[in-house]
């Protein structure tokens, strides 16, 4: 009898604890789409990326042209001249590769630029989400844009517009 009473109390306590938790959702894509500074930063990154890509492609094209010229003139060159031309071509290809890595590598210029432009916006969104969470008593706020596991969620628990309002972008 005692065991039954303890088990019953434990079940009631678990159920009450589960109802006490409050969850909410945000749609990060929707929020960022409605933040003008994010769109401007994205456009700026695209322009920089395209400019650097053209620069890298120009170096690679230059190396390719050197190689084609070398192949055309190869029969007229001495062994010493061939070696010299081959070294120049390899150096030019290496230069193009290094430039690509400098701009687009894991710690490259594009990564650093993205960090400097996007980090303040991400911090602003995080702080707004945190304020909404504290004011409304949510234990957890999920991002529906990045979670493929959320099949359906009631629109009533989406607080994306509240987050935008906290950031000063009323919707």
N, C-alpha and C. Protein backbone atom coordinates (compact mmCIF):
# COMPACT_ATOMS: atom_id res chain seq x y z
N UNK A 1 0.82 -1.19 0.00
CA UNK A 1 0.00 0.00 0.00
C UNK A 1 0.86 1.25 0.00
N UNK A 2 1.94 1.19 0.82
CA UNK A 2 2.85 2.33 0.88
C UNK A 2 3.50 2.59 -0.48
N UNK A 3 3.89 1.54 -1.13
CA UNK A 3 4.54 1.66 -2.44
C UNK A 3 3.58 2.29 -3.46
N UNK A 4 2.34 1.89 -3.44
CA UNK A 4 1.34 2.44 -4.35
C UNK A 4 1.15 3.94 -4.11
N UNK A 5 1.12 4.34 -2.87
CA UNK A 5 0.94 5.76 -2.52
C UNK A 5 2.16 6.57 -2.98
N UNK A 6 3.35 6.01 -2.77
CA UNK A 6 4.58 6.71 -3.18
C UNK A 6 4.64 6.82 -4.70
N UNK A 7 4.29 5.75 -5.40
CA UNK A 7 4.29 5.77 -6.87
C UNK A 7 3.28 6.77 -7.39
N UNK A 8 2.11 6.84 -6.77
CA UNK A 8 1.07 7.78 -7.18
C UNK A 8 1.54 9.23 -6.97
N UNK A 9 2.16 9.49 -5.83
CA UNK A 9 2.67 10.84 -5.56
C UNK A 9 3.78 11.21 -6.53
N UNK A 10 4.62 10.27 -6.86
CA UNK A 10 5.70 10.51 -7.81
C UNK A 10 5.14 10.84 -9.20
N UNK A 11 4.11 10.12 -9.63
CA UNK A 11 3.48 10.40 -10.93
C UNK A 11 2.85 11.79 -10.94
N UNK A 12 2.18 12.16 -9.87
CA UNK A 12 1.55 13.49 -9.78
C UNK A 12 2.62 14.57 -9.81
N UNK A 13 3.71 14.37 -9.10
CA UNK A 13 4.80 15.36 -9.06
C UNK A 13 5.43 15.53 -10.45
N UNK A 14 5.62 14.43 -11.17
CA UNK A 14 6.19 14.50 -12.53
C UNK A 14 5.25 15.25 -13.47
N UNK A 15 3.97 14.96 -13.37
CA UNK A 15 3.01 15.63 -14.25
C UNK A 15 2.95 17.12 -13.97
N UNK A 16 2.96 17.50 -12.70
CA UNK A 16 2.93 18.92 -12.34
C UNK A 16 4.20 19.62 -12.82
N UNK A 17 5.32 18.95 -12.70
CA UNK A 17 6.59 19.53 -13.16
C UNK A 17 6.62 19.73 -14.66
N UNK A 18 6.02 18.82 -15.39
CA UNK A 18 6.00 18.93 -16.85
C UNK A 18 5.12 20.09 -17.30
N UNK A 19 4.01 20.32 -16.60
CA UNK A 19 3.13 21.42 -16.97
C UNK A 19 3.73 22.77 -16.60
N UNK A 20 4.65 22.81 -15.68
CA UNK A 20 5.22 24.08 -15.23
C UNK A 20 6.23 24.64 -16.23
N UNK A 21 6.73 23.83 -17.13
CA UNK A 21 7.72 24.30 -18.09
C UNK A 21 7.04 25.00 -19.25
N UNK A 22 7.62 26.13 -19.64
CA UNK A 22 7.07 26.88 -20.77
C UNK A 22 8.11 26.94 -21.89
N UNK A 23 7.65 26.66 -23.10
CA UNK A 23 8.52 26.67 -24.27
C UNK A 23 7.98 27.66 -25.29
N UNK A 24 8.86 28.13 -26.15
CA UNK A 24 8.45 29.02 -27.23
C UNK A 24 9.32 28.73 -28.45
N UNK A 25 8.91 29.27 -29.57
CA UNK A 25 9.66 29.12 -30.82
C UNK A 25 9.95 30.49 -31.40
N UNK A 26 11.05 30.57 -32.12
CA UNK A 26 11.33 31.73 -32.95
C UNK A 26 11.71 31.23 -34.33
N UNK A 27 11.57 32.07 -35.31
CA UNK A 27 12.00 31.75 -36.66
C UNK A 27 13.13 32.72 -37.00
N UNK A 28 14.36 32.25 -36.86
CA UNK A 28 15.53 33.11 -37.03
C UNK A 28 15.61 33.69 -38.45
N UNK A 29 15.22 32.92 -39.45
CA UNK A 29 15.24 33.44 -40.83
C UNK A 29 14.28 34.61 -40.96
N UNK A 30 13.10 34.49 -40.38
CA UNK A 30 12.10 35.56 -40.41
C UNK A 30 12.63 36.80 -39.69
N UNK A 31 13.23 36.59 -38.53
CA UNK A 31 13.75 37.72 -37.75
C UNK A 31 14.85 38.44 -38.53
N UNK A 32 15.82 37.67 -39.04
CA UNK A 32 16.94 38.30 -39.75
C UNK A 32 16.48 38.97 -41.04
N UNK A 33 15.46 38.42 -41.69
CA UNK A 33 14.94 39.02 -42.91
C UNK A 33 14.33 40.40 -42.64
N UNK A 34 13.86 40.60 -41.42
CA UNK A 34 13.23 41.86 -41.04
C UNK A 34 14.18 42.82 -40.32
N UNK A 35 15.45 42.51 -40.30
CA UNK A 35 16.46 43.40 -39.72
C UNK A 35 17.25 44.01 -40.87
N UNK A 36 17.06 45.30 -41.14
CA UNK A 36 17.72 45.94 -42.29
C UNK A 36 19.25 45.86 -42.24
N UNK A 37 19.83 45.96 -41.06
CA UNK A 37 21.30 45.92 -40.97
C UNK A 37 21.84 44.56 -41.39
N UNK A 38 21.07 43.50 -41.18
CA UNK A 38 21.49 42.16 -41.61
C UNK A 38 21.53 42.08 -43.13
N UNK A 39 20.50 42.62 -43.78
CA UNK A 39 20.45 42.61 -45.24
C UNK A 39 21.59 43.43 -45.83
N UNK A 40 21.89 44.57 -45.20
CA UNK A 40 22.99 45.41 -45.69
C UNK A 40 24.33 44.69 -45.51
N UNK A 41 24.52 44.05 -44.37
CA UNK A 41 25.76 43.32 -44.11
C UNK A 41 25.92 42.17 -45.09
N UNK A 42 24.84 41.47 -45.37
CA UNK A 42 24.86 40.36 -46.32
C UNK A 42 25.24 40.86 -47.72
N UNK A 43 24.68 41.97 -48.13
CA UNK A 43 24.98 42.54 -49.45
C UNK A 43 26.45 42.96 -49.52
N UNK A 44 26.92 43.55 -48.45
CA UNK A 44 28.33 43.97 -48.41
C UNK A 44 29.25 42.75 -48.51
N UNK A 45 28.93 41.69 -47.80
CA UNK A 45 29.73 40.46 -47.87
C UNK A 45 29.71 39.86 -49.27
N UNK A 46 28.56 39.89 -49.93
CA UNK A 46 28.48 39.36 -51.30
C UNK A 46 29.35 40.16 -52.26
N UNK A 47 29.34 41.47 -52.13
CA UNK A 47 30.16 42.31 -53.01
C UNK A 47 31.65 42.05 -52.78
N UNK A 48 32.05 41.97 -51.53
CA UNK A 48 33.46 41.70 -51.21
C UNK A 48 33.86 40.33 -51.74
N UNK A 49 33.01 39.34 -51.52
CA UNK A 49 33.28 37.98 -51.98
C UNK A 49 33.45 37.92 -53.48
N UNK A 50 32.57 38.60 -54.22
CA UNK A 50 32.66 38.60 -55.68
C UNK A 50 33.93 39.28 -56.15
N UNK A 51 34.31 40.38 -55.51
CA UNK A 51 35.54 41.08 -55.90
C UNK A 51 36.76 40.19 -55.67
N UNK A 52 36.81 39.54 -54.51
CA UNK A 52 37.94 38.67 -54.22
C UNK A 52 37.95 37.45 -55.13
N UNK A 53 36.77 36.92 -55.46
CA UNK A 53 36.70 35.77 -56.37
C UNK A 53 37.25 36.13 -57.74
N UNK A 54 36.93 37.33 -58.22
CA UNK A 54 37.47 37.77 -59.51
C UNK A 54 38.98 37.89 -59.46
N UNK A 55 39.50 38.37 -58.36
CA UNK A 55 40.94 38.51 -58.20
C UNK A 55 41.63 37.14 -58.22
N UNK A 56 41.05 36.18 -57.53
CA UNK A 56 41.60 34.82 -57.49
C UNK A 56 41.52 34.18 -58.88
N UNK A 57 40.38 34.36 -59.55
CA UNK A 57 40.22 33.79 -60.89
C UNK A 57 41.19 34.41 -61.89
N UNK A 58 41.48 35.70 -61.73
CA UNK A 58 42.45 36.36 -62.61
C UNK A 58 43.84 35.73 -62.45
N UNK A 59 44.23 35.45 -61.22
CA UNK A 59 45.53 34.80 -60.97
C UNK A 59 45.55 33.40 -61.57
N UNK A 60 44.47 32.66 -61.39
CA UNK A 60 44.40 31.30 -61.92
C UNK A 60 44.42 31.32 -63.45
N UNK A 61 43.74 32.26 -64.05
CA UNK A 61 43.72 32.39 -65.51
C UNK A 61 45.11 32.76 -66.03
N UNK A 62 45.79 33.60 -65.30
CA UNK A 62 47.15 34.00 -65.67
C UNK A 62 48.08 32.77 -65.67
N UNK A 63 47.94 31.93 -64.65
CA UNK A 63 48.75 30.71 -64.57
C UNK A 63 48.40 29.76 -65.71
N UNK A 64 47.13 29.67 -66.03
CA UNK A 64 46.70 28.80 -67.12
C UNK A 64 47.23 29.30 -68.47
N UNK A 65 47.21 30.59 -68.67
CA UNK A 65 47.73 31.18 -69.91
C UNK A 65 49.23 30.92 -70.02
N UNK A 66 49.94 31.08 -68.90
CA UNK A 66 51.37 30.79 -68.90
C UNK A 66 51.63 29.34 -69.30
N UNK A 67 50.81 28.42 -68.79
CA UNK A 67 50.99 27.01 -69.08
C UNK A 67 50.73 26.71 -70.56
N UNK A 68 49.68 27.33 -71.11
CA UNK A 68 49.37 27.12 -72.54
C UNK A 68 50.49 27.66 -73.42
N UNK A 69 51.00 28.83 -73.07
CA UNK A 69 52.12 29.40 -73.81
C UNK A 69 53.36 28.50 -73.71
N UNK A 70 53.57 27.95 -72.55
CA UNK A 70 54.71 27.05 -72.33
C UNK A 70 54.57 25.81 -73.22
N UNK A 71 53.36 25.23 -73.26
CA UNK A 71 53.14 24.05 -74.09
C UNK A 71 53.36 24.36 -75.57
N UNK A 72 52.95 25.55 -75.99
CA UNK A 72 53.11 25.92 -77.41
C UNK A 72 54.58 26.13 -77.75
N UNK A 73 55.35 26.69 -76.83
CA UNK A 73 56.75 27.02 -77.09
C UNK A 73 57.71 25.93 -76.61
N UNK A 74 57.23 24.87 -76.04
CA UNK A 74 58.07 23.85 -75.42
C UNK A 74 59.11 23.26 -76.38
N UNK A 75 58.76 23.06 -77.62
CA UNK A 75 59.68 22.43 -78.56
C UNK A 75 60.86 23.34 -78.89
N UNK A 76 60.69 24.64 -78.71
CA UNK A 76 61.76 25.60 -79.04
C UNK A 76 62.66 25.93 -77.84
N UNK A 77 62.32 25.45 -76.65
CA UNK A 77 63.04 25.83 -75.44
C UNK A 77 64.11 24.81 -75.09
N UNK A 78 65.17 25.31 -74.48
CA UNK A 78 66.21 24.42 -73.97
C UNK A 78 65.73 23.84 -72.64
N UNK A 79 66.47 22.84 -72.15
CA UNK A 79 66.08 22.23 -70.87
C UNK A 79 66.10 23.25 -69.73
N UNK A 80 67.07 24.10 -69.76
CA UNK A 80 67.20 25.14 -68.72
C UNK A 80 66.01 26.11 -68.78
N UNK A 81 65.61 26.50 -69.98
CA UNK A 81 64.47 27.40 -70.16
C UNK A 81 63.16 26.72 -69.74
N UNK A 82 63.05 25.42 -70.08
CA UNK A 82 61.86 24.67 -69.68
C UNK A 82 61.72 24.64 -68.16
N UNK A 83 62.83 24.35 -67.49
CA UNK A 83 62.82 24.29 -66.03
C UNK A 83 62.42 25.64 -65.44
N UNK A 84 62.96 26.69 -66.01
CA UNK A 84 62.67 28.04 -65.53
C UNK A 84 61.18 28.37 -65.72
N UNK A 85 60.64 28.07 -66.91
CA UNK A 85 59.22 28.34 -67.20
C UNK A 85 58.30 27.51 -66.30
N UNK A 86 58.68 26.24 -66.09
CA UNK A 86 57.87 25.38 -65.23
C UNK A 86 57.82 25.92 -63.80
N UNK A 87 58.96 26.40 -63.33
CA UNK A 87 59.02 26.97 -61.98
C UNK A 87 58.16 28.23 -61.88
N UNK A 88 58.16 29.05 -62.94
CA UNK A 88 57.33 30.25 -62.95
C UNK A 88 55.85 29.90 -62.92
N UNK A 89 55.48 28.87 -63.69
CA UNK A 89 54.07 28.44 -63.73
C UNK A 89 53.65 27.91 -62.37
N UNK A 90 54.47 27.07 -61.76
CA UNK A 90 54.16 26.50 -60.45
C UNK A 90 54.05 27.62 -59.41
N UNK A 91 54.93 28.61 -59.50
CA UNK A 91 54.89 29.73 -58.56
C UNK A 91 53.59 30.52 -58.72
N UNK A 92 53.16 30.73 -59.97
CA UNK A 92 51.93 31.47 -60.23
C UNK A 92 50.71 30.69 -59.73
N UNK A 93 50.71 29.36 -59.94
CA UNK A 93 49.61 28.54 -59.43
C UNK A 93 49.57 28.55 -57.91
N UNK A 94 50.74 28.50 -57.31
CA UNK A 94 50.83 28.54 -55.85
C UNK A 94 50.33 29.89 -55.33
N UNK A 95 50.66 30.94 -56.04
CA UNK A 95 50.22 32.28 -55.66
C UNK A 95 48.68 32.37 -55.70
N UNK A 96 48.08 31.79 -56.73
CA UNK A 96 46.61 31.78 -56.84
C UNK A 96 45.98 30.97 -55.70
N UNK A 97 46.57 29.83 -55.39
CA UNK A 97 46.06 28.99 -54.31
C UNK A 97 46.18 29.71 -52.96
N UNK A 98 47.31 30.35 -52.73
CA UNK A 98 47.50 31.07 -51.47
C UNK A 98 46.54 32.24 -51.35
N UNK A 99 46.29 32.91 -52.46
CA UNK A 99 45.35 34.02 -52.45
C UNK A 99 43.93 33.52 -52.13
N UNK A 100 43.55 32.39 -52.73
CA UNK A 100 42.24 31.79 -52.46
C UNK A 100 42.13 31.44 -50.97
N UNK A 101 43.17 30.84 -50.42
CA UNK A 101 43.16 30.46 -49.01
C UNK A 101 43.12 31.70 -48.12
N UNK A 102 43.86 32.74 -48.51
CA UNK A 102 43.89 33.98 -47.73
C UNK A 102 42.51 34.60 -47.63
N UNK A 103 41.77 34.60 -48.73
CA UNK A 103 40.45 35.22 -48.75
C UNK A 103 39.35 34.30 -48.25
N UNK A 104 39.36 33.05 -48.69
CA UNK A 104 38.23 32.15 -48.46
C UNK A 104 38.53 30.98 -47.53
N UNK A 105 39.72 30.91 -46.96
CA UNK A 105 40.08 29.82 -46.07
C UNK A 105 39.30 29.86 -44.76
N UNK A 106 39.49 28.85 -43.92
CA UNK A 106 38.74 28.76 -42.66
C UNK A 106 38.96 29.97 -41.74
N UNK A 107 40.11 30.55 -41.77
CA UNK A 107 40.41 31.75 -40.98
C UNK A 107 40.72 32.92 -41.90
N UNK A 108 40.14 32.90 -43.08
CA UNK A 108 40.45 33.89 -44.10
C UNK A 108 39.75 35.22 -43.88
N UNK A 109 40.02 36.12 -44.80
CA UNK A 109 39.49 37.48 -44.73
C UNK A 109 37.96 37.50 -44.76
N UNK A 110 37.34 36.64 -45.56
CA UNK A 110 35.88 36.61 -45.64
C UNK A 110 35.28 36.18 -44.31
N UNK A 111 35.88 35.19 -43.67
CA UNK A 111 35.42 34.73 -42.36
C UNK A 111 35.52 35.86 -41.33
N UNK A 112 36.64 36.55 -41.33
CA UNK A 112 36.83 37.65 -40.37
C UNK A 112 35.85 38.78 -40.63
N UNK A 113 35.63 39.08 -41.89
CA UNK A 113 34.69 40.15 -42.24
C UNK A 113 33.28 39.76 -41.84
N UNK A 114 32.91 38.51 -42.09
CA UNK A 114 31.58 38.03 -41.71
C UNK A 114 31.40 38.13 -40.19
N UNK A 115 32.42 37.73 -39.46
CA UNK A 115 32.36 37.82 -38.00
C UNK A 115 32.16 39.26 -37.55
N UNK A 116 32.92 40.18 -38.13
CA UNK A 116 32.84 41.57 -37.69
C UNK A 116 31.50 42.20 -38.05
N UNK A 117 30.89 41.79 -39.15
CA UNK A 117 29.61 42.37 -39.56
C UNK A 117 28.41 41.68 -38.90
N UNK A 118 28.47 40.37 -38.74
CA UNK A 118 27.32 39.62 -38.27
C UNK A 118 27.25 39.47 -36.75
N UNK A 119 28.40 39.47 -36.07
CA UNK A 119 28.41 39.24 -34.63
C UNK A 119 27.55 40.25 -33.87
N UNK A 120 27.63 41.55 -34.17
CA UNK A 120 26.76 42.49 -33.44
C UNK A 120 25.27 42.23 -33.64
N UNK A 121 24.89 41.82 -34.85
CA UNK A 121 23.48 41.53 -35.14
C UNK A 121 23.05 40.28 -34.38
N UNK A 122 23.91 39.25 -34.38
CA UNK A 122 23.58 38.02 -33.66
C UNK A 122 23.48 38.28 -32.16
N UNK A 123 24.36 39.13 -31.64
CA UNK A 123 24.29 39.47 -30.21
C UNK A 123 23.00 40.21 -29.88
N UNK A 124 22.59 41.10 -30.77
CA UNK A 124 21.35 41.85 -30.57
C UNK A 124 20.14 40.91 -30.55
N UNK A 125 20.11 39.96 -31.47
CA UNK A 125 19.02 38.99 -31.51
C UNK A 125 19.03 38.14 -30.24
N UNK A 126 20.23 37.68 -29.85
CA UNK A 126 20.34 36.85 -28.64
C UNK A 126 19.82 37.60 -27.41
N UNK A 127 20.22 38.86 -27.26
CA UNK A 127 19.79 39.65 -26.11
C UNK A 127 18.28 39.87 -26.12
N UNK A 128 17.70 40.10 -27.28
CA UNK A 128 16.25 40.27 -27.38
C UNK A 128 15.53 38.97 -27.03
N UNK A 129 16.03 37.84 -27.50
CA UNK A 129 15.44 36.54 -27.17
C UNK A 129 15.53 36.30 -25.67
N UNK A 130 16.65 36.64 -25.10
CA UNK A 130 16.86 36.45 -23.66
C UNK A 130 15.87 37.31 -22.86
N UNK A 131 15.66 38.57 -23.28
CA UNK A 131 14.71 39.45 -22.58
C UNK A 131 13.29 38.90 -22.66
N UNK A 132 12.89 38.46 -23.85
CA UNK A 132 11.55 37.89 -24.01
C UNK A 132 11.41 36.66 -23.13
N UNK A 133 12.43 35.83 -23.09
CA UNK A 133 12.41 34.61 -22.28
C UNK A 133 12.25 34.95 -20.80
N UNK A 134 13.01 35.93 -20.34
CA UNK A 134 12.94 36.30 -18.93
C UNK A 134 11.60 36.94 -18.58
N UNK A 135 11.08 37.79 -19.46
CA UNK A 135 9.82 38.47 -19.18
C UNK A 135 8.63 37.52 -19.19
N UNK A 136 8.64 36.57 -20.09
CA UNK A 136 7.49 35.67 -20.24
C UNK A 136 7.67 34.35 -19.49
N UNK A 137 8.83 34.13 -18.89
CA UNK A 137 9.06 32.95 -18.07
C UNK A 137 9.29 31.67 -18.86
N UNK A 138 9.90 31.77 -20.03
CA UNK A 138 10.20 30.57 -20.83
C UNK A 138 11.49 29.92 -20.34
N UNK A 139 11.47 28.60 -20.23
CA UNK A 139 12.68 27.87 -19.89
C UNK A 139 13.53 27.62 -21.13
N UNK A 140 12.87 27.56 -22.27
CA UNK A 140 13.58 27.21 -23.49
C UNK A 140 12.90 27.84 -24.69
N UNK A 141 13.70 28.40 -25.61
CA UNK A 141 13.18 28.92 -26.87
C UNK A 141 13.94 28.24 -27.99
N UNK A 142 13.19 27.58 -28.87
CA UNK A 142 13.78 26.85 -29.98
C UNK A 142 13.71 27.67 -31.26
N UNK A 143 14.67 27.43 -32.15
CA UNK A 143 14.66 28.07 -33.46
C UNK A 143 14.07 27.09 -34.46
N UNK A 144 12.90 27.40 -34.96
CA UNK A 144 12.24 26.49 -35.89
C UNK A 144 12.93 26.47 -37.25
N UNK A 145 13.67 27.52 -37.61
CA UNK A 145 14.34 27.57 -38.90
C UNK A 145 15.50 26.58 -38.98
N UNK A 146 16.17 26.35 -37.85
CA UNK A 146 17.33 25.46 -37.88
C UNK A 146 17.02 24.06 -37.37
N UNK A 147 15.83 23.84 -36.88
CA UNK A 147 15.48 22.52 -36.35
C UNK A 147 14.60 21.77 -37.33
N UNK A 148 15.14 20.72 -37.89
CA UNK A 148 14.38 19.89 -38.82
C UNK A 148 13.47 18.92 -38.07
N UNK A 149 13.63 18.84 -36.76
CA UNK A 149 12.85 17.90 -35.96
C UNK A 149 11.47 18.42 -35.59
N UNK A 150 11.22 19.71 -35.76
CA UNK A 150 9.91 20.26 -35.42
C UNK A 150 9.00 20.08 -36.63
N UNK A 151 8.06 19.19 -36.51
CA UNK A 151 7.15 18.91 -37.61
C UNK A 151 5.99 19.90 -37.60
N UNK A 152 5.43 20.14 -36.43
CA UNK A 152 4.34 21.11 -36.29
C UNK A 152 4.48 21.80 -34.95
N UNK A 153 4.21 23.09 -34.95
CA UNK A 153 4.17 23.85 -33.71
C UNK A 153 3.07 24.90 -33.85
N UNK A 154 2.36 25.09 -32.80
CA UNK A 154 1.27 26.05 -32.80
C UNK A 154 1.82 27.47 -33.01
N UNK A 155 1.20 28.25 -33.86
CA UNK A 155 1.65 29.63 -34.06
C UNK A 155 1.54 30.47 -32.79
N UNK A 156 0.76 30.02 -31.82
CA UNK A 156 0.61 30.77 -30.56
C UNK A 156 1.90 30.81 -29.76
N UNK A 157 2.78 29.82 -29.97
CA UNK A 157 4.02 29.82 -29.17
C UNK A 157 5.20 30.43 -29.94
N UNK A 158 4.94 31.00 -31.12
CA UNK A 158 5.98 31.67 -31.91
C UNK A 158 6.11 33.10 -31.39
N UNK A 159 7.28 33.44 -30.89
CA UNK A 159 7.51 34.78 -30.31
C UNK A 159 8.45 35.61 -31.19
N UNK A 160 8.53 35.30 -32.47
CA UNK A 160 9.43 36.01 -33.38
C UNK A 160 9.11 37.50 -33.44
N UNK A 161 7.83 37.83 -33.51
CA UNK A 161 7.45 39.25 -33.57
C UNK A 161 7.78 40.00 -32.29
N UNK A 162 7.68 39.32 -31.16
CA UNK A 162 8.07 39.94 -29.89
C UNK A 162 9.57 40.22 -29.86
N UNK A 163 10.35 39.31 -30.39
CA UNK A 163 11.80 39.50 -30.45
C UNK A 163 12.12 40.70 -31.34
N UNK A 164 11.45 40.77 -32.49
CA UNK A 164 11.65 41.93 -33.38
C UNK A 164 11.27 43.23 -32.69
N UNK A 165 10.18 43.22 -31.93
CA UNK A 165 9.76 44.41 -31.20
C UNK A 165 10.80 44.81 -30.16
N UNK A 166 11.38 43.85 -29.47
CA UNK A 166 12.44 44.14 -28.49
C UNK A 166 13.65 44.76 -29.14
N UNK A 167 13.89 44.38 -30.40
CA UNK A 167 15.03 44.92 -31.13
C UNK A 167 14.71 46.28 -31.76
N UNK A 168 13.45 46.69 -31.69
CA UNK A 168 13.07 47.98 -32.24
C UNK A 168 12.53 47.91 -33.65
N UNK A 169 12.21 46.74 -34.12
CA UNK A 169 11.66 46.55 -35.46
C UNK A 169 10.25 46.01 -35.30
N UNK A 170 9.31 46.87 -34.97
CA UNK A 170 7.94 46.43 -34.72
C UNK A 170 7.32 45.88 -36.00
N UNK A 171 6.59 44.80 -35.83
CA UNK A 171 5.92 44.14 -36.96
C UNK A 171 4.46 44.15 -36.73
